[in-house]
Amino acid sequence: MLTIYVDPKKQNQVVQLSDQDRGYLSVQPETDGADRYTFTFTGHAHPSFWHEGALTDGLEETVRSIDGTQKYQILFR
């Protein structure tokens, strides 16, 4: 499982991954009041994904892509 380190006090930010790779988190409010958190990674090592609703410490996401399955865990810093 790959860990994504997120600062819960920031909206849009560069994030660090446990394998020393980096990505970008952007937050967009949705019309229903929930936020959409989009995690984007450059290159092809990690598939990008989005999460709707509250982002919580320890949240786990499983992303299925053409390259296989990647498991992520979100940890607050």
PDB file of N, CA and C in Angstrom:
ATOM      1  N   MET A   1       0.853  -1.170   0.000  1.00  0.00           N
ATOM      2  CA  MET A   1       0.000   0.000   0.000  1.00  0.00           C
ATOM      3  C   MET A   1       0.904   1.240   0.000  1.00  0.00           C
ATOM      4  N   LEU A   2       0.541   2.199  -0.812  1.00  0.00           N
ATOM      5  CA  LEU A   2       1.287   3.448  -0.943  1.00  0.00           C
ATOM      6  C   LEU A   2       0.605   4.512  -0.089  1.00  0.00           C
ATOM      7  N   THR A   3       1.397   5.265   0.676  1.00  0.00           N
ATOM      8  CA  THR A   3       0.854   6.306   1.535  1.00  0.00           C
ATOM      9  C   THR A   3       0.990   7.663   0.865  1.00  0.00           C
ATOM     10  N   ILE A   4      -0.077   8.475   0.947  1.00  0.00           N
ATOM     11  CA  ILE A   4      -0.065   9.852   0.450  1.00  0.00           C
ATOM     12  C   ILE A   4      -0.157  10.758   1.673  1.00  0.00           C
ATOM     13  N   TYR A   5       0.827  11.639   1.838  1.00  0.00           N
ATOM     14  CA  TYR A   5       0.855  12.550   2.990  1.00  0.00           C
ATOM     15  C   TYR A   5       0.201  13.867   2.597  1.00  0.00           C
ATOM     16  N   VAL A   6      -0.827  14.259   3.360  1.00  0.00           N
ATOM     17  CA  VAL A   6      -1.647  15.428   3.050  1.00  0.00           C
ATOM     18  C   VAL A   6      -1.665  16.377   4.250  1.00  0.00           C
ATOM     19  N   ASP A   7      -1.553  17.680   3.990  1.00  0.00           N
ATOM     20  CA  ASP A   7      -1.731  18.695   5.027  1.00  0.00           C
ATOM     21  C   ASP A   7      -3.220  19.029   5.068  1.00  0.00           C
ATOM     22  N   PRO A   8      -3.943  18.668   6.145  1.00  0.00           N
ATOM     23  CA  PRO A   8      -5.387  18.880   6.180  1.00  0.00           C
ATOM     24  C   PRO A   8      -5.785  20.358   6.251  1.00  0.00           C
ATOM     25  N   LYS A   9      -4.828  21.249   6.507  1.00  0.00           N
ATOM     26  CA  LYS A   9      -5.133  22.675   6.611  1.00  0.00           C
ATOM     27  C   LYS A   9      -5.075  23.385   5.265  1.00  0.00           C
ATOM     28  N   LYS A  10      -4.556  22.705   4.238  1.00  0.00           N
ATOM     29  CA  LYS A  10      -4.429  23.308   2.911  1.00  0.00           C
ATOM     30  C   LYS A  10      -5.435  22.701   1.961  1.00  0.00           C
ATOM     31  N   GLN A  11      -5.880  23.492   1.003  1.00  0.00           N
ATOM     32  CA  GLN A  11      -6.768  22.985  -0.032  1.00  0.00           C
ATOM     33  C   GLN A  11      -5.921  22.377  -1.155  1.00  0.00           C
ATOM     34  N   ASN A  12      -5.488  23.181  -2.102  1.00  0.00           N
ATOM     35  CA  ASN A  12      -4.678  22.696  -3.216  1.00  0.00           C
ATOM     36  C   ASN A  12      -3.221  22.644  -2.765  1.00  0.00           C
ATOM     37  N   GLN A  13      -2.555  21.511  -3.037  1.00  0.00           N
ATOM     38  CA  GLN A  13      -1.203  21.339  -2.523  1.00  0.00           C
ATOM     39  C   GLN A  13      -0.448  20.249  -3.259  1.00  0.00           C
ATOM     40  N   VAL A  14       0.881  20.331  -3.171  1.00  0.00           N
ATOM     41  CA  VAL A  14       1.751  19.257  -3.625  1.00  0.00           C
ATOM     42  C   VAL A  14       1.773  18.227  -2.501  1.00  0.00           C
ATOM     43  N   VAL A  15       1.639  16.947  -2.846  1.00  0.00           N
ATOM     44  CA  VAL A  15       1.645  15.886  -1.838  1.00  0.00           C
ATOM     45  C   VAL A  15       2.849  14.982  -2.049  1.00  0.00           C
ATOM     46  N   GLN A  16       3.335  14.432  -0.954  1.00  0.00           N
ATOM     47  CA  GLN A  16       4.471  13.501  -0.961  1.00  0.00           C
ATOM     48  C   GLN A  16       3.938  12.089  -0.798  1.00  0.00           C
ATOM     49  N   LEU A  17       4.515  11.145  -1.528  1.00  0.00           N
ATOM     50  CA  LEU A  17       4.135   9.749  -1.409  1.00  0.00           C
ATOM     51  C   LEU A  17       5.218   8.989  -0.653  1.00  0.00           C
ATOM     52  N   SER A  18       4.862   7.859  -0.089  1.00  0.00           N
ATOM     53  CA  SER A  18       5.811   7.083   0.708  1.00  0.00           C
ATOM     54  C   SER A  18       6.967   6.523  -0.113  1.00  0.00           C
ATOM     55  N   ASP A  19       6.838   6.453  -1.429  1.00  0.00           N
ATOM     56  CA  ASP A  19       7.943   5.992  -2.274  1.00  0.00           C
ATOM     57  C   ASP A  19       8.792   7.158  -2.793  1.00  0.00           C
ATOM     58  N   GLN A  20       8.618   8.340  -2.181  1.00  0.00           N
ATOM     59  CA  GLN A  20       9.341   9.574  -2.495  1.00  0.00           C
ATOM     60  C   GLN A  20       8.866  10.260  -3.773  1.00  0.00           C
ATOM     61  N   ASP A  21       7.866   9.722  -4.425  1.00  0.00           N
ATOM     62  CA  ASP A  21       7.273  10.377  -5.585  1.00  0.00           C
ATOM     63  C   ASP A  21       6.408  11.530  -5.085  1.00  0.00           C
ATOM     64  N   ARG A  22       5.988  12.400  -5.986  1.00  0.00           N
ATOM     65  CA  ARG A  22       5.137  13.530  -5.621  1.00  0.00           C
ATOM     66  C   ARG A  22       3.907  13.558  -6.523  1.00  0.00           C
ATOM     67  N   GLY A  23       2.895  14.255  -6.047  1.00  0.00           N
ATOM     68  CA  GLY A  23       1.677  14.434  -6.817  1.00  0.00           C
ATOM     69  C   GLY A  23       1.055  15.754  -6.435  1.00  0.00           C
ATOM     70  N   TYR A  24      -0.159  15.997  -6.920  1.00  0.00           N
ATOM     71  CA  TYR A  24      -0.854  17.242  -6.632  1.00  0.00           C
ATOM     72  C   TYR A  24      -2.285  16.927  -6.211  1.00  0.00           C
ATOM     73  N   LEU A  25      -2.722  17.591  -5.153  1.00  0.00           N
ATOM     74  CA  LEU A  25      -4.093  17.465  -4.680  1.00  0.00           C
ATOM     75  C   LEU A  25      -4.820  18.767  -4.969  1.00  0.00           C
ATOM     76  N   SER A  26      -5.933  18.671  -5.688  1.00  0.00           N
ATOM     77  CA  SER A  26      -6.778  19.839  -5.906  1.00  0.00           C
ATOM     78  C   SER A  26      -8.155  19.541  -5.318  1.00  0.00           C
ATOM     79  N   VAL A  27      -8.753  20.570  -4.732  1.00  0.00           N
ATOM     80  CA  VAL A  27     -10.046  20.427  -4.067  1.00  0.00           C
ATOM     81  C   VAL A  27     -11.057  21.313  -4.778  1.00  0.00           C
ATOM     82  N   GLN A  28     -12.182  20.713  -5.178  1.00  0.00           N
ATOM     83  CA  GLN A  28     -13.243  21.455  -5.851  1.00  0.00           C
ATOM     84  C   GLN A  28     -14.561  21.210  -5.132  1.00  0.00           C
ATOM     85  N   PRO A  29     -15.264  22.283  -4.773  1.00  0.00           N
ATOM     86  CA  PRO A  29     -16.592  22.098  -4.165  1.00  0.00           C
ATOM     87  C   PRO A  29     -17.584  21.614  -5.219  1.00  0.00           C
ATOM     88  N   GLU A  30     -18.444  20.717  -4.827  1.00  0.00           N
ATOM     89  CA  GLU A  30     -19.480  20.194  -5.711  1.00  0.00           C
ATOM     90  C   GLU A  30     -20.798  20.892  -5.402  1.00  0.00           C
ATOM     91  N   THR A  31     -21.750  20.792  -6.308  1.00  0.00           N
ATOM     92  CA  THR A  31     -23.042  21.456  -6.128  1.00  0.00           C
ATOM     93  C   THR A  31     -23.835  20.899  -4.952  1.00  0.00           C
ATOM     94  N   ASP A  32     -23.587  19.661  -4.561  1.00  0.00           N
ATOM     95  CA  ASP A  32     -24.329  19.060  -3.441  1.00  0.00           C
ATOM     96  C   ASP A  32     -23.711  19.398  -2.079  1.00  0.00           C
ATOM     97  N   GLY A  33     -22.666  20.236  -2.066  1.00  0.00           N
ATOM     98  CA  GLY A  33     -22.036  20.644  -0.820  1.00  0.00           C
ATOM     99  C   GLY A  33     -20.813  19.826  -0.435  1.00  0.00           C
ATOM    100  N   ALA A  34     -20.637  18.663  -1.035  1.00  0.00           N
ATOM    101  CA  ALA A  34     -19.459  17.840  -0.753  1.00  0.00           C
ATOM    102  C   ALA A  34     -18.279  18.368  -1.568  1.00  0.00           C
ATOM    103  N   ASP A  35     -17.082  18.061  -1.125  1.00  0.00           N
ATOM    104  CA  ASP A  35     -15.890  18.437  -1.875  1.00  0.00           C
ATOM    105  C   ASP A  35     -15.398  17.245  -2.681  1.00  0.00           C
ATOM    106  N   ARG A  36     -14.783  17.535  -3.815  1.00  0.00           N
ATOM    107  CA  ARG A  36     -14.131  16.493  -4.609  1.00  0.00           C
ATOM    108  C   ARG A  36     -12.624  16.716  -4.506  1.00  0.00           C
ATOM    109  N   TYR A  37     -11.925  15.697  -4.041  1.00  0.00           N
ATOM    110  CA  TYR A  37     -10.477  15.731  -3.894  1.00  0.00           C
ATOM    111  C   TYR A  37      -9.870  14.948  -5.050  1.00  0.00           C
ATOM    112  N   THR A  38      -9.112  15.628  -5.891  1.00  0.00           N
ATOM    113  CA  THR A  38      -8.501  14.980  -7.050  1.00  0.00           C
ATOM    114  C   THR A  38      -7.002  14.860  -6.834  1.00  0.00           C
ATOM    115  N   PHE A  39      -6.505  13.640  -6.860  1.00  0.00           N
ATOM    116  CA  PHE A  39      -5.079  13.362  -6.713  1.00  0.00           C
ATOM    117  C   PHE A  39      -4.519  13.058  -8.099  1.00  0.00           C
ATOM    118  N   THR A  40      -3.552  13.860  -8.520  1.00  0.00           N
ATOM    119  CA  THR A  40      -2.964  13.714  -9.845  1.00  0.00           C
ATOM    120  C   THR A  40      -1.476  13.394  -9.695  1.00  0.00           C
ATOM    121  N   PHE A  41      -1.023  12.397 -10.430  1.00  0.00           N
ATOM    122  CA  PHE A  41       0.383  11.997 -10.385  1.00  0.00           C
ATOM    123  C   PHE A  41       0.945  12.052 -11.802  1.00  0.00           C
ATOM    124  N   THR A  42       2.124  12.641 -11.927  1.00  0.00           N
ATOM    125  CA  THR A  42       2.755  12.714 -13.241  1.00  0.00           C
ATOM    126  C   THR A  42       3.450  11.387 -13.531  1.00  0.00           C
ATOM    127  N   GLY A  43       3.684  11.130 -14.764  1.00  0.00           N
ATOM    128  CA  GLY A  43       4.277   9.855 -15.135  1.00  0.00           C
ATOM    129  C   GLY A  43       3.233   8.752 -15.084  1.00  0.00           C
ATOM    130  N   HIS A  44       3.691   7.538 -15.181  1.00  0.00           N
ATOM    131  CA  HIS A  44       2.763   6.413 -15.229  1.00  0.00           C
ATOM    132  C   HIS A  44       2.954   5.445 -14.070  1.00  0.00           C
ATOM    133  N   ALA A  45       3.703   5.852 -13.055  1.00  0.00           N
ATOM    134  CA  ALA A  45       3.955   4.955 -11.926  1.00  0.00           C
ATOM    135  C   ALA A  45       2.713   4.764 -11.058  1.00  0.00           C
ATOM    136  N   HIS A  46       1.883   5.818 -10.941  1.00  0.00           N
ATOM    137  CA  HIS A  46       0.720   5.756 -10.061  1.00  0.00           C
ATOM    138  C   HIS A  46      -0.502   6.318 -10.781  1.00  0.00           C
ATOM    139  N   PRO A  47      -1.626   5.602 -10.735  1.00  0.00           N
ATOM    140  CA  PRO A  47      -2.832   6.130 -11.379  1.00  0.00           C
ATOM    141  C   PRO A  47      -3.442   7.271 -10.554  1.00  0.00           C
ATOM    142  N   SER A  48      -3.895   8.301 -11.231  1.00  0.00           N
ATOM    143  CA  SER A  48      -4.587   9.410 -10.582  1.00  0.00           C
ATOM    144  C   SER A  48      -6.002   8.958 -10.207  1.00  0.00           C
ATOM    145  N   PHE A  49      -6.599   9.644  -9.226  1.00  0.00           N
ATOM    146  CA  PHE A  49      -7.961   9.287  -8.802  1.00  0.00           C
ATOM    147  C   PHE A  49      -8.600  10.477  -8.108  1.00  0.00           C
ATOM    148  N   TRP A  50      -9.906  10.364  -7.848  1.00  0.00           N
ATOM    149  CA  TRP A  50     -10.608  11.388  -7.082  1.00  0.00           C
ATOM    150  C   TRP A  50     -11.453  10.722  -6.011  1.00  0.00           C
ATOM    151  N   HIS A  51     -11.746  11.519  -4.973  1.00  0.00           N
ATOM    152  CA  HIS A  51     -12.557  11.062  -3.844  1.00  0.00           C
ATOM    153  C   HIS A  51     -13.585  12.141  -3.540  1.00  0.00           C
ATOM    154  N   GLU A  52     -14.839  11.756  -3.435  1.00  0.00           N
ATOM    155  CA  GLU A  52     -15.898  12.709  -3.073  1.00  0.00           C
ATOM    156  C   GLU A  52     -16.269  12.510  -1.622  1.00  0.00           C
ATOM    157  N   GLY A  53     -16.479  13.618  -0.921  1.00  0.00           N
ATOM    158  CA  GLY A  53     -16.841  13.560   0.487  1.00  0.00           C
ATOM    159  C   GLY A  53     -15.652  13.916   1.350  1.00  0.00           C
ATOM    160  N   ALA A  54     -15.795  13.696   2.644  1.00  0.00           N
ATOM    161  CA  ALA A  54     -14.760  14.085   3.592  1.00  0.00           C
ATOM    162  C   ALA A  54     -13.486  13.270   3.395  1.00  0.00           C
ATOM    163  N   LEU A  55     -12.376  13.957   3.467  1.00  0.00           N
ATOM    164  CA  LEU A  55     -11.066  13.320   3.424  1.00  0.00           C
ATOM    165  C   LEU A  55     -10.644  13.111   4.869  1.00  0.00           C
ATOM    166  N   THR A  56     -10.409  11.882   5.286  1.00  0.00           N
ATOM    167  CA  THR A  56     -10.099  11.586   6.680  1.00  0.00           C
ATOM    168  C   THR A  56      -8.732  10.936   6.815  1.00  0.00           C
ATOM    169  N   ASP A  57      -8.133  11.126   7.970  1.00  0.00           N
ATOM    170  CA  ASP A  57      -6.834  10.523   8.259  1.00  0.00           C
ATOM    171  C   ASP A  57      -6.977   9.007   8.282  1.00  0.00           C
ATOM    172  N   GLY A  58      -6.157   8.317   7.514  1.00  0.00           N
ATOM    173  CA  GLY A  58      -6.205   6.863   7.452  1.00  0.00           C
ATOM    174  C   GLY A  58      -7.108   6.311   6.366  1.00  0.00           C
ATOM    175  N   LEU A  59      -7.764   7.198   5.603  1.00  0.00           N
ATOM    176  CA  LEU A  59      -8.648   6.763   4.524  1.00  0.00           C
ATOM    177  C   LEU A  59      -7.886   5.894   3.520  1.00  0.00           C
ATOM    178  N   GLU A  60      -8.486   4.798   3.104  1.00  0.00           N
ATOM    179  CA  GLU A  60      -7.872   3.915   2.110  1.00  0.00           C
ATOM    180  C   GLU A  60      -8.694   3.923   0.832  1.00  0.00           C
ATOM    181  N   GLU A  61      -8.008   3.972  -0.291  1.00  0.00           N
ATOM    182  CA  GLU A  61      -8.641   3.960  -1.615  1.00  0.00           C
ATOM    183  C   GLU A  61      -7.970   2.879  -2.459  1.00  0.00           C
ATOM    184  N   THR A  62      -8.776   2.137  -3.187  1.00  0.00           N
ATOM    185  CA  THR A  62      -8.267   1.167  -4.149  1.00  0.00           C
ATOM    186  C   THR A  62      -8.607   1.692  -5.536  1.00  0.00           C
ATOM    187  N   VAL A  63      -7.575   1.845  -6.372  1.00  0.00           N
ATOM    188  CA  VAL A  63      -7.752   2.391  -7.717  1.00  0.00           C
ATOM    189  C   VAL A  63      -7.403   1.300  -8.722  1.00  0.00           C
ATOM    190  N   ARG A  64      -8.354   1.045  -9.604  1.00  0.00           N
ATOM    191  CA  ARG A  64      -8.129   0.057 -10.656  1.00  0.00           C
ATOM    192  C   ARG A  64      -7.903   0.803 -11.965  1.00  0.00           C
ATOM    193  N   SER A  65      -6.833   0.463 -12.641  1.00  0.00           N
ATOM    194  CA  SER A  65      -6.519   1.106 -13.915  1.00  0.00           C
ATOM    195  C   SER A  65      -6.085   0.042 -14.905  1.00  0.00           C
ATOM    196  N   ILE A  66      -5.775   0.477 -16.100  1.00  0.00           N
ATOM    197  CA  ILE A  66      -5.325  -0.454 -17.136  1.00  0.00           C
ATOM    198  C   ILE A  66      -4.008  -1.129 -16.751  1.00  0.00           C
ATOM    199  N   ASP A  67      -3.253  -0.488 -15.854  1.00  0.00           N
ATOM    200  CA  ASP A  67      -1.968  -1.030 -15.409  1.00  0.00           C
ATOM    201  C   ASP A  67      -2.093  -1.939 -14.195  1.00  0.00           C
ATOM    202  N   GLY A  68      -3.302  -2.111 -13.667  1.00  0.00           N
ATOM    203  CA  GLY A  68      -3.502  -2.961 -12.499  1.00  0.00           C
ATOM    204  C   GLY A  68      -4.141  -2.203 -11.360  1.00  0.00           C
ATOM    205  N   THR A  69      -4.046  -2.769 -10.171  1.00  0.00           N
ATOM    206  CA  THR A  69      -4.669  -2.198  -8.982  1.00  0.00           C
ATOM    207  C   THR A  69      -3.609  -1.538  -8.111  1.00  0.00           C
ATOM    208  N   GLN A  70      -3.919  -0.348  -7.599  1.00  0.00           N
ATOM    209  CA  GLN A  70      -3.035   0.379  -6.686  1.00  0.00           C
ATOM    210  C   GLN A  70      -3.832   0.731  -5.439  1.00  0.00           C
ATOM    211  N   LYS A  71      -3.281   0.428  -4.268  1.00  0.00           N
ATOM    212  CA  LYS A  71      -3.939   0.789  -3.007  1.00  0.00           C
ATOM    213  C   LYS A  71      -3.204   1.980  -2.408  1.00  0.00           C
ATOM    214  N   TYR A  72      -3.996   2.970  -1.961  1.00  0.00           N
ATOM    215  CA  TYR A  72      -3.461   4.173  -1.340  1.00  0.00           C
ATOM    216  C   TYR A  72      -4.027   4.317   0.063  1.00  0.00           C
ATOM    217  N   GLN A  73      -3.236   4.928   0.943  1.00  0.00           N
ATOM    218  CA  GLN A  73      -3.722   5.334   2.254  1.00  0.00           C
ATOM    219  C   GLN A  73      -3.374   6.817   2.414  1.00  0.00           C
ATOM    220  N   ILE A  74      -4.349   7.600   2.882  1.00  0.00           N
ATOM    221  CA  ILE A  74      -4.163   9.031   3.110  1.00  0.00           C
ATOM    222  C   ILE A  74      -3.786   9.234   4.579  1.00  0.00           C
ATOM    223  N   LEU A  75      -2.664   9.888   4.826  1.00  0.00           N
ATOM    224  CA  LEU A  75      -2.282  10.225   6.198  1.00  0.00           C
ATOM    225  C   LEU A  75      -2.080  11.727   6.299  1.00  0.00           C
ATOM    226  N   PHE A  76      -2.620  12.307   7.368  1.00  0.00           N
ATOM    227  CA  PHE A  76      -2.461  13.743   7.602  1.00  0.00           C
ATOM    228  C   PHE A  76      -1.102  14.011   8.239  1.00  0.00           C
ATOM    229  N   ARG A  77      -0.503  15.114   7.844  1.00  0.00           N
ATOM    230  CA  ARG A  77       0.776  15.557   8.421  1.00  0.00           C
ATOM    231  C   ARG A  77       0.580  16.831   9.158  1.00  0.00           C
TER     232      ARG A  77
END
